[in-house]
Amino acid sequence: MPTTSHAFQAELSYLVPDGKRPVQYAFEPPPGEPWESGHFEARSVLLGDARTLPGDTSIDCEGFERRDAPTALGNYHDADEVRRVYYPELESLAISVTGGHRAYVFDHLVRERAHDAGRLNFGRSTRGQTAAPNGRVHTDYTEQSGRRRLELVLSDAQPAGPIERYCIINIWRSLRGPVLDTPLAVCDARSVGSDDLIEADVRYPRRTGEIHLARYSPSHRWWYYSALDRHEALVFKQYDSQRDGVARFVPHAAFSHPHAPAGALPRISIEARCLVVYRD
C-alpha cells in the first residue's frame, strides 16, 4: 500500500454493477438516451506519490512508469503536426519502455479543463477533439477489443511473420507545466482482480468499442506522480496479449486533488495510444 507519510485520501468514481452491461456514448446520444448508463459512486482511496517510491516502477510489473522524455511538439491543436512530430517520438519511447520490436501510435486526445467548467468529466468520452479529464475508473481495452485493435492497426502494415506477443500502452503528458489540479491516478495492476473489471460498450458514430469499467475493491493500490511536467511522460499498460507474468490492465482515472493550491492553472494534457509488437 502507499506509505501514509506520502499519501492522502482522494475520491475516485467507481461503477456499482447491477447486472446490466454499461453503455457510454462518444458522440451526442440519440434523443432520450443518456451519455452513459449504470450507477457510479465516489469512493475514498489512499493515493500515494510514486515519486517517493524507493525504486522505479515497471511497465510489466506495476504496469506503469515515468520517463524523462522532452518533446519538440509545438501546436498540439494541429493534428497533422501531432502526427508528424509527436507520433515518431512516442514510438521510439514505446520501444524503449517495453523492449518491443515495433510500435504504432494510432490515436491521440487532448484533454483540457476549462476555467468555468467542473473539474472532471463524467459520462462524456469524446475522442478526436479536446475533452475534459475523465473521472471514471476504467481501462481502455478488454480481451476482445485488444485483439480487435491489433487487426485494425496492422491492416495496412502487416508484419513479416506471426506475432507472438503485443501490447497497447497509453503515453500521457502535461501540455501546460506541472499538473496540480486534476492529476491522473493509476492503479497497480497486481492489486486488480479479474472480477474487478466490468466490460462496457462505447458507442461511436460508426462502430461500437469495448472498455472496462471498474468496481471498487479495498485491495486496489493507487498512485500518481506529483506535479507531472511537460518534459515527463507517464506510460502505462492498457492491454497485453501475454496472460501470465506481466501487467495486463491498469485502471486509471483523473481525480480532484484535495490539496491543489488556490489558483492552480487548469490541466491541459495529451494522451496517445500505441500498439507495440514484440516479435514478428
Protein backbone atom coordinates (compact mmCIF):
# COMPACT_ATOMS: atom_id res chain seq x y z
CA MET A 1 0.00 0.00 0.00
CA PRO A 2 1.12 3.65 -0.44
CA THR A 3 3.07 4.79 2.61
CA THR A 4 0.98 7.00 4.86
CA SER A 5 3.70 9.67 5.18
CA HIS A 6 3.37 10.47 1.48
CA ALA A 7 -0.25 9.53 0.89
CA PHE A 8 -3.65 11.20 1.20
CA GLN A 9 -7.30 10.35 0.75
CA ALA A 10 -8.98 11.29 -2.53
CA GLU A 11 -12.19 10.28 -4.25
CA LEU A 12 -12.39 8.12 -7.37
CA SER A 13 -15.54 7.25 -9.30
CA TYR A 14 -16.26 3.52 -9.48
CA LEU A 15 -19.03 1.57 -11.20
CA VAL A 16 -21.65 -0.11 -9.00
CA PRO A 17 -22.50 -3.25 -11.02
CA ASP A 18 -26.21 -4.02 -11.42
CA GLY A 19 -26.04 -6.97 -13.82
CA LYS A 20 -26.65 -4.79 -16.88
CA ARG A 21 -24.00 -4.04 -19.46
CA PRO A 22 -22.94 -0.36 -19.17
CA VAL A 23 -23.05 1.84 -22.26
CA GLN A 24 -21.25 5.12 -22.91
CA TYR A 25 -21.60 7.43 -25.92
CA ALA A 26 -18.62 9.13 -27.55
CA PHE A 27 -20.93 11.46 -29.50
CA GLU A 28 -24.22 13.22 -28.84
CA PRO A 29 -26.57 10.35 -27.94
CA PRO A 30 -29.93 9.85 -29.62
CA PRO A 31 -32.86 11.77 -28.10
CA GLY A 32 -33.85 10.31 -24.76
CA GLU A 33 -30.59 8.38 -24.32
CA PRO A 34 -28.17 9.35 -21.52
CA TRP A 35 -24.47 9.87 -22.16
CA GLU A 36 -23.85 6.79 -20.07
CA SER A 37 -25.82 4.09 -18.30
CA GLY A 38 -25.02 2.47 -14.98
CA HIS A 39 -24.67 3.74 -11.44
CA PHE A 40 -21.40 5.15 -10.13
CA GLU A 41 -20.20 6.01 -6.65
CA ALA A 42 -17.36 8.12 -5.30
CA ARG A 43 -15.07 6.05 -3.08
CA SER A 44 -12.30 7.44 -0.93
CA VAL A 45 -8.96 5.75 -1.66
CA LEU A 46 -5.44 6.15 -0.36
CA LEU A 47 -3.31 7.77 -3.05
CA GLY A 48 0.47 7.67 -2.89
CA ASP A 49 3.03 9.79 -4.71
CA ALA A 50 5.03 7.40 -6.89
CA ARG A 51 7.96 9.83 -6.83
CA THR A 52 8.56 8.77 -3.22
CA LEU A 53 8.98 5.08 -4.02
CA PRO A 54 12.47 3.74 -3.26
CA GLY A 55 12.84 2.31 -6.76
CA ASP A 56 11.40 2.73 -10.23
CA THR A 57 8.15 1.11 -11.25
CA SER A 58 7.95 -1.11 -14.34
CA ILE A 59 5.55 -1.32 -17.27
CA ASP A 60 5.42 -5.12 -16.85
CA CYS A 61 5.29 -5.26 -13.03
CA GLU A 62 3.11 -2.48 -11.62
CA GLY A 63 2.03 -1.63 -15.16
CA PHE A 64 3.25 1.96 -15.30
CA GLU A 65 6.41 4.04 -15.28
CA ARG A 66 7.54 7.63 -15.63
CA ARG A 67 10.18 8.70 -18.15
CA ASP A 68 12.04 11.92 -18.81
CA ALA A 69 11.00 12.48 -22.41
CA PRO A 70 11.15 16.07 -23.71
CA THR A 71 9.13 16.74 -26.84
CA ALA A 72 9.50 19.02 -29.85
CA LEU A 73 5.72 19.25 -30.24
CA GLY A 74 4.53 22.83 -30.70
CA ASN A 75 0.93 23.33 -31.79
CA TYR A 76 -0.91 20.46 -30.15
CA HIS A 77 -4.20 21.61 -31.69
CA ASP A 78 -2.78 20.86 -35.16
CA ALA A 79 -3.50 17.14 -35.65
CA ASP A 80 -1.11 16.96 -38.62
CA GLU A 81 1.75 18.37 -36.55
CA VAL A 82 0.96 15.98 -33.71
CA ARG A 83 1.16 13.03 -36.09
CA ARG A 84 4.27 14.31 -37.89
CA VAL A 85 6.29 15.45 -34.85
CA TYR A 86 4.88 13.71 -31.81
CA TYR A 87 4.00 10.21 -33.04
CA PRO A 88 7.61 9.29 -34.03
CA GLU A 89 8.83 10.49 -30.62
CA LEU A 90 6.30 8.29 -28.87
CA GLU A 91 7.04 5.24 -30.99
CA SER A 92 10.71 5.46 -30.02
CA LEU A 93 9.75 5.92 -26.38
CA ALA A 94 7.36 2.95 -26.51
CA ILE A 95 10.08 0.64 -27.80
CA SER A 96 12.48 1.89 -25.11
CA VAL A 97 9.96 1.34 -22.31
CA THR A 98 8.58 -2.04 -23.39
CA GLY A 99 11.55 -3.63 -25.16
CA GLY A 100 9.25 -4.26 -28.12
CA HIS A 101 10.29 -4.58 -31.74
CA ARG A 102 7.88 -2.19 -33.47
CA ALA A 103 5.47 0.48 -32.26
CA TYR A 104 2.48 2.13 -33.92
CA VAL A 105 0.80 5.19 -32.40
CA PHE A 106 -2.79 5.05 -33.65
CA ASP A 107 -4.63 7.91 -31.93
CA HIS A 108 -4.35 10.81 -29.50
CA LEU A 109 -6.59 13.10 -27.50
CA VAL A 110 -6.04 16.49 -25.88
CA ARG A 111 -7.84 16.99 -22.56
CA GLU A 112 -8.42 20.42 -21.08
CA ARG A 113 -10.36 21.63 -18.07
CA ALA A 114 -11.91 25.00 -18.80
CA HIS A 115 -11.72 27.69 -16.10
CA ASP A 116 -15.50 27.87 -15.86
CA ALA A 117 -16.21 24.12 -16.02
CA GLY A 118 -16.33 21.37 -13.43
CA ARG A 119 -13.05 19.70 -12.73
CA LEU A 120 -13.90 16.27 -14.07
CA ASN A 121 -15.80 14.74 -16.96
CA PHE A 122 -18.36 12.04 -16.17
CA GLY A 123 -20.28 10.35 -18.95
CA ARG A 124 -18.62 12.00 -21.95
CA SER A 125 -15.67 10.36 -23.71
CA THR A 126 -15.11 12.23 -26.95
CA ARG A 127 -12.07 11.08 -28.90
CA GLY A 128 -10.67 13.05 -31.80
CA GLN A 129 -11.15 16.50 -30.21
CA THR A 130 -10.46 18.31 -26.96
CA ALA A 131 -12.21 16.69 -23.99
CA ALA A 132 -12.30 17.22 -20.23
CA PRO A 133 -10.35 14.99 -17.81
CA ASN A 134 -12.08 11.61 -17.43
CA GLY A 135 -13.04 10.84 -13.83
CA ARG A 136 -14.37 7.29 -14.25
CA VAL A 137 -12.10 4.42 -13.17
CA HIS A 138 -11.60 2.42 -16.37
CA THR A 139 -9.22 0.70 -18.78
CA ASP A 140 -9.35 1.41 -22.49
CA TYR A 141 -9.28 -2.21 -23.68
CA THR A 142 -10.62 -5.67 -22.92
CA GLU A 143 -9.60 -9.08 -24.25
CA GLN A 144 -11.87 -8.68 -27.23
CA SER A 145 -11.16 -5.05 -28.09
CA GLY A 146 -7.42 -5.55 -27.55
CA ARG A 147 -7.38 -8.28 -30.20
CA ARG A 148 -9.56 -6.18 -32.49
CA ARG A 149 -7.20 -3.22 -32.21
CA LEU A 150 -4.30 -5.35 -33.43
CA GLU A 151 -6.28 -6.17 -36.57
CA LEU A 152 -7.23 -2.53 -37.16
CA VAL A 153 -3.74 -1.10 -36.67
CA LEU A 154 -1.93 -3.69 -38.75
CA SER A 155 -4.46 -3.90 -41.58
CA ASP A 156 -2.24 -1.58 -43.66
CA ALA A 157 1.12 -2.58 -42.13
CA GLN A 158 1.26 -6.34 -41.93
CA PRO A 159 4.38 -7.71 -40.18
CA ALA A 160 6.62 -10.21 -41.89
CA GLY A 161 5.69 -13.15 -39.64
CA PRO A 162 3.34 -14.31 -36.89
CA ILE A 163 3.03 -12.11 -33.80
CA GLU A 164 3.72 -13.95 -30.55
CA ARG A 165 3.06 -11.03 -28.21
CA TYR A 166 1.78 -7.48 -28.43
CA CYS A 167 0.50 -4.84 -26.05
CA ILE A 168 -1.25 -1.48 -26.08
CA ILE A 169 0.12 1.33 -23.95
CA ASN A 170 -1.01 4.84 -23.14
CA ILE A 171 1.51 7.69 -23.08
CA TRP A 172 0.26 10.67 -21.06
CA ARG A 173 1.85 14.12 -20.85
CA SER A 174 1.09 17.57 -19.48
CA LEU A 175 0.97 20.37 -22.03
CA ARG A 176 0.93 23.28 -19.57
CA GLY A 177 3.58 22.82 -16.95
CA PRO A 178 3.09 20.85 -13.72
CA VAL A 179 -0.34 19.25 -13.30
CA LEU A 180 -1.70 20.30 -9.91
CA ASP A 181 -5.49 20.38 -10.03
CA THR A 182 -6.71 17.18 -11.76
CA PRO A 183 -3.83 14.68 -11.97
CA LEU A 184 -4.11 11.17 -13.38
CA ALA A 185 -4.18 8.27 -10.91
CA VAL A 186 -3.05 4.78 -11.94
CA CYS A 187 -3.73 1.51 -10.14
CA ASP A 188 -1.02 -1.08 -9.55
CA ALA A 189 -2.04 -3.90 -11.89
CA ARG A 190 -1.01 -6.51 -9.31
CA SER A 191 -3.77 -5.29 -6.99
CA VAL A 192 -6.56 -5.70 -9.57
CA GLY A 193 -8.56 -8.92 -9.77
CA SER A 194 -10.28 -10.09 -12.94
CA ASP A 195 -13.66 -9.75 -11.20
CA ASP A 196 -12.94 -6.06 -10.58
CA LEU A 197 -13.18 -5.24 -14.30
CA ILE A 198 -16.58 -4.96 -15.98
CA GLU A 199 -16.95 -4.94 -19.76
CA ALA A 200 -18.80 -1.91 -21.16
CA ASP A 201 -19.73 -0.62 -24.61
CA VAL A 202 -18.54 2.68 -26.02
CA ARG A 203 -20.68 3.75 -28.95
CA TYR A 204 -19.14 5.80 -31.75
CA PRO A 205 -20.99 7.11 -34.81
CA ARG A 206 -19.92 4.16 -36.98
CA ARG A 207 -18.86 1.43 -34.56
CA THR A 208 -19.06 0.15 -31.00
CA GLY A 209 -15.93 -0.31 -28.90
CA GLU A 210 -15.41 -2.13 -25.62
CA ILE A 211 -13.68 -0.96 -22.44
CA HIS A 212 -13.50 -1.99 -18.79
CA LEU A 213 -15.15 -0.04 -16.03
CA ALA A 214 -14.08 -0.99 -12.51
CA ARG A 215 -15.89 -1.93 -9.32
CA TYR A 216 -14.39 -0.81 -6.02
CA SER A 217 -12.04 -3.11 -4.13
CA PRO A 218 -10.15 -2.25 -0.93
CA SER A 219 -7.21 -4.17 -2.42
CA HIS A 220 -6.59 -1.57 -5.12
CA ARG A 221 -3.32 0.31 -4.71
CA TRP A 222 -3.42 3.78 -6.25
CA TRP A 223 -0.55 6.07 -7.25
CA TYR A 224 0.06 9.32 -9.07
CA TYR A 225 3.11 11.44 -9.91
CA SER A 226 3.05 14.82 -8.21
CA ALA A 227 3.38 17.90 -10.44
CA LEU A 228 3.96 15.87 -13.59
CA ASP A 229 5.52 18.31 -16.05
CA ARG A 230 5.73 18.73 -19.81
CA HIS A 231 9.18 17.12 -20.14
CA GLU A 232 7.90 13.92 -18.48
CA ALA A 233 5.79 11.08 -19.84
CA LEU A 234 3.63 8.67 -17.86
CA VAL A 235 3.48 5.34 -19.70
CA PHE A 236 1.01 2.68 -18.61
CA LYS A 237 -0.35 -0.64 -19.86
CA GLN A 238 -3.78 -0.81 -21.45
CA TYR A 239 -3.67 -4.40 -22.69
CA ASP A 240 -1.16 -7.23 -23.05
CA SER A 241 -1.71 -10.41 -25.04
CA GLN A 242 0.59 -12.30 -22.66
CA ARG A 243 -1.70 -13.70 -19.98
CA ASP A 244 0.79 -14.61 -17.26
CA GLY A 245 3.71 -12.93 -15.54
CA VAL A 246 3.14 -9.34 -16.72
CA ALA A 247 0.82 -6.44 -16.01
CA ARG A 248 -2.09 -6.53 -18.45
CA PHE A 249 -4.67 -3.88 -17.47
CA VAL A 250 -4.07 -0.67 -15.49
CA PRO A 251 -7.25 1.06 -14.27
CA HIS A 252 -6.87 4.81 -14.25
CA ALA A 253 -8.87 7.99 -13.67
CA ALA A 254 -8.48 11.71 -13.16
CA PHE A 255 -9.13 12.97 -9.65
CA SER A 256 -9.62 16.33 -7.97
CA HIS A 257 -6.51 16.85 -5.85
CA PRO A 258 -7.68 17.79 -2.35
CA HIS A 259 -4.50 19.79 -1.74
CA ALA A 260 -4.31 21.64 -5.07
CA PRO A 261 -3.14 25.21 -4.48
CA ALA A 262 -5.66 28.00 -4.95
CA GLY A 263 -5.43 29.43 -8.44
CA ALA A 264 -3.74 26.38 -9.94
CA LEU A 265 -3.92 26.50 -13.73
CA PRO A 266 -6.44 24.05 -15.21
CA ARG A 267 -4.85 20.94 -16.59
CA ILE A 268 -4.12 20.57 -20.31
CA SER A 269 -2.77 17.15 -21.28
CA ILE A 270 -2.32 14.92 -24.27
CA GLU A 271 -2.70 11.16 -24.28
CA ALA A 272 -1.78 8.82 -27.09
CA ARG A 273 -2.33 5.09 -27.51
CA CYS A 274 0.29 2.89 -29.05
CA LEU A 275 0.36 -0.72 -30.24
CA VAL A 276 3.67 -2.48 -29.53
CA VAL A 277 4.67 -5.68 -31.32
CA TYR A 278 7.35 -7.67 -29.51
CA ARG A 279 8.41 -10.06 -32.25
CA ASP A 280 7.35 -10.81 -35.80
